Amino acid sequence: MTNARHKQKNHNPRRVALDALAEIEFILISLHKMGSYYSDKPIADYQRATTDFIDNEKITQKLAKVRRILSESFDNTLGKDDMDDIERHMKNIDFWKP
């Protein structure tokens, strides 16, 4: 995609939102179909398939794209607490730990 075309795409908020929704739809429906398909199969097969799906379809990159799209509409000015609005809202998330 050329730089000019990329800039034009970003100027259409509806198109950008639709792109984000398409990524979410792909992930959600794919995982749902996998869950249904593997419902009567060994859990290890389901776990392997979902892991492969996440890796092969670059799901973390797709989710990062959605996060970037959603984040664009927020003000990133730091407040008195030295955080922007998104950081402030996310600060209490209990992330996975090994």
C-alpha atoms as a PDB file:
ATOM      1  CA  MET A   1       0.000   0.000   0.000  1.00  0.00           C
ATOM      2  CA  THR A   2       1.415   3.364  -0.927  1.00  0.00           C
ATOM      3  CA  ASN A   3       1.853   6.015   1.700  1.00  0.00           C
ATOM      4  CA  ALA A   4      -0.744   8.284   0.035  1.00  0.00           C
ATOM      5  CA  ARG A   5      -3.286   5.471  -0.059  1.00  0.00           C
ATOM      6  CA  HIS A   6      -2.576   4.619   3.594  1.00  0.00           C
ATOM      7  CA  LYS A   7      -3.155   8.256   4.610  1.00  0.00           C
ATOM      8  CA  GLN A   8      -6.398   8.386   2.610  1.00  0.00           C
ATOM      9  CA  LYS A   9      -7.649   5.247   4.337  1.00  0.00           C
ATOM     10  CA  ASN A  10      -6.969   6.737   7.771  1.00  0.00           C
ATOM     11  CA  HIS A  11      -9.056   9.801   6.942  1.00  0.00           C
ATOM     12  CA  ASN A  12     -12.204   7.685   6.742  1.00  0.00           C
ATOM     13  CA  PRO A  13     -13.101   6.811  10.347  1.00  0.00           C
ATOM     14  CA  ARG A  14     -15.929   4.536   9.264  1.00  0.00           C
ATOM     15  CA  ARG A  15     -13.605   2.465   7.058  1.00  0.00           C
ATOM     16  CA  VAL A  16     -11.016   2.270   9.834  1.00  0.00           C
ATOM     17  CA  ALA A  17     -13.681   1.099  12.298  1.00  0.00           C
ATOM     18  CA  LEU A  18     -14.885  -1.501   9.795  1.00  0.00           C
ATOM     19  CA  ASP A  19     -11.316  -2.770   9.426  1.00  0.00           C
ATOM     20  CA  ALA A  20     -11.082  -3.185  13.203  1.00  0.00           C
ATOM     21  CA  LEU A  21     -14.444  -4.948  13.334  1.00  0.00           C
ATOM     22  CA  ALA A  22     -13.364  -7.308  10.547  1.00  0.00           C
ATOM     23  CA  GLU A  23     -10.278  -8.305  12.535  1.00  0.00           C
ATOM     24  CA  ILE A  24     -12.379  -8.920  15.658  1.00  0.00           C
ATOM     25  CA  GLU A  25     -14.957 -10.890  13.654  1.00  0.00           C
ATOM     26  CA  PHE A  26     -12.272 -13.104  12.103  1.00  0.00           C
ATOM     27  CA  ILE A  27     -10.788 -13.928  15.504  1.00  0.00           C
ATOM     28  CA  LEU A  28     -14.082 -14.394  17.342  1.00  0.00           C
ATOM     29  CA  ILE A  29     -15.846 -16.515  14.739  1.00  0.00           C
ATOM     30  CA  SER A  30     -12.747 -18.605  14.023  1.00  0.00           C
ATOM     31  CA  LEU A  31     -12.284 -19.394  17.721  1.00  0.00           C
ATOM     32  CA  HIS A  32     -15.985 -20.179  18.070  1.00  0.00           C
ATOM     33  CA  LYS A  33     -15.854 -22.573  15.113  1.00  0.00           C
ATOM     34  CA  MET A  34     -12.748 -24.217  16.521  1.00  0.00           C
ATOM     35  CA  GLY A  35     -14.450 -24.650  19.891  1.00  0.00           C
ATOM     36  CA  SER A  36     -17.456 -26.266  18.253  1.00  0.00           C
ATOM     37  CA  TYR A  37     -15.347 -28.529  16.056  1.00  0.00           C
ATOM     38  CA  TYR A  38     -13.186 -29.726  18.942  1.00  0.00           C
ATOM     39  CA  SER A  39     -16.005 -30.012  21.515  1.00  0.00           C
ATOM     40  CA  ASP A  40     -16.023 -33.819  21.310  1.00  0.00           C
ATOM     41  CA  LYS A  41     -12.316 -34.270  20.637  1.00  0.00           C
ATOM     42  CA  PRO A  42      -9.367 -34.501  23.034  1.00  0.00           C
ATOM     43  CA  ILE A  43      -8.557 -31.226  24.801  1.00  0.00           C
ATOM     44  CA  ALA A  44      -4.914 -31.521  23.722  1.00  0.00           C
ATOM     45  CA  ASP A  45      -6.020 -31.375  20.059  1.00  0.00           C
ATOM     46  CA  TYR A  46      -8.069 -28.247  20.764  1.00  0.00           C
ATOM     47  CA  GLN A  47      -5.189 -26.628  22.621  1.00  0.00           C
ATOM     48  CA  ARG A  48      -2.748 -27.400  19.797  1.00  0.00           C
ATOM     49  CA  ALA A  49      -5.184 -26.089  17.160  1.00  0.00           C
ATOM     50  CA  THR A  50      -5.865 -22.834  19.000  1.00  0.00           C
ATOM     51  CA  THR A  51      -2.167 -22.291  19.647  1.00  0.00           C
ATOM     52  CA  ASP A  52      -1.401 -22.919  15.979  1.00  0.00           C
ATOM     53  CA  PHE A  53      -4.228 -20.562  14.957  1.00  0.00           C
ATOM     54  CA  ILE A  54      -2.913 -17.784  17.193  1.00  0.00           C
ATOM     55  CA  ASP A  55       0.618 -18.221  15.854  1.00  0.00           C
ATOM     56  CA  ASN A  56      -0.107 -18.908  12.177  1.00  0.00           C
ATOM     57  CA  GLU A  57      -2.748 -16.201  11.773  1.00  0.00           C
ATOM     58  CA  LYS A  58      -0.669 -13.643  13.694  1.00  0.00           C
ATOM     59  CA  ILE A  59      -3.516 -12.976  16.112  1.00  0.00           C
ATOM     60  CA  THR A  60      -1.422 -10.840  18.460  1.00  0.00           C
ATOM     61  CA  GLN A  61      -0.543  -8.527  15.547  1.00  0.00           C
ATOM     62  CA  LYS A  62      -4.222  -8.341  14.534  1.00  0.00           C
ATOM     63  CA  LEU A  63      -5.196  -7.431  18.096  1.00  0.00           C
ATOM     64  CA  ALA A  64      -2.426  -4.830  18.243  1.00  0.00           C
ATOM     65  CA  LYS A  65      -3.862  -3.310  15.048  1.00  0.00           C
ATOM     66  CA  VAL A  66      -7.320  -3.127  16.631  1.00  0.00           C
ATOM     67  CA  ARG A  67      -5.853  -1.564  19.776  1.00  0.00           C
ATOM     68  CA  ARG A  68      -4.013   1.015  17.663  1.00  0.00           C
ATOM     69  CA  ILE A  69      -7.210   1.880  15.753  1.00  0.00           C
ATOM     70  CA  LEU A  70      -9.242   2.248  18.941  1.00  0.00           C
ATOM     71  CA  SER A  71      -6.511   4.232  20.687  1.00  0.00           C
ATOM     72  CA  GLU A  72      -6.287   6.862  17.930  1.00  0.00           C
ATOM     73  CA  SER A  73      -9.446   8.612  19.123  1.00  0.00           C
ATOM     74  CA  PHE A  74      -8.154   9.168  22.667  1.00  0.00           C
ATOM     75  CA  ASP A  75      -6.220  12.138  23.944  1.00  0.00           C
ATOM     76  CA  ASN A  76      -2.720  11.074  24.939  1.00  0.00           C
ATOM     77  CA  THR A  77      -1.992  14.152  27.019  1.00  0.00           C
ATOM     78  CA  LEU A  78      -0.469  13.197  30.361  1.00  0.00           C
ATOM     79  CA  GLY A  79      -2.417  14.158  33.451  1.00  0.00           C
ATOM     80  CA  LYS A  80      -1.188  15.075  36.927  1.00  0.00           C
ATOM     81  CA  ASP A  81      -0.600  11.377  37.557  1.00  0.00           C
ATOM     82  CA  ASP A  82       1.798  11.247  34.563  1.00  0.00           C
ATOM     83  CA  MET A  83      -0.609   8.935  32.672  1.00  0.00           C
ATOM     84  CA  ASP A  84      -2.861   9.447  29.678  1.00  0.00           C
ATOM     85  CA  ASP A  85      -6.540   8.400  29.669  1.00  0.00           C
ATOM     86  CA  ILE A  86      -5.854   4.911  28.312  1.00  0.00           C
ATOM     87  CA  GLU A  87      -3.009   4.190  30.730  1.00  0.00           C
ATOM     88  CA  ARG A  88      -5.163   5.362  33.619  1.00  0.00           C
ATOM     89  CA  HIS A  89      -8.036   3.081  32.606  1.00  0.00           C
ATOM     90  CA  MET A  90      -5.775   0.072  32.077  1.00  0.00           C
ATOM     91  CA  LYS A  91      -3.578   0.420  35.153  1.00  0.00           C
ATOM     92  CA  ASN A  92      -5.430  -2.184  37.242  1.00  0.00           C
ATOM     93  CA  ILE A  93      -5.525  -4.971  34.668  1.00  0.00           C
ATOM     94  CA  ASP A  94      -4.213  -8.189  36.170  1.00  0.00           C
ATOM     95  CA  PHE A  95      -2.088  -9.559  33.312  1.00  0.00           C
ATOM     96  CA  TRP A  96      -1.055 -13.178  32.946  1.00  0.00           C
ATOM     97  CA  LYS A  97       2.085 -14.124  34.795  1.00  0.00           C
ATOM     98  CA  PRO A  98       4.173 -17.291  34.496  1.00  0.00           C
END
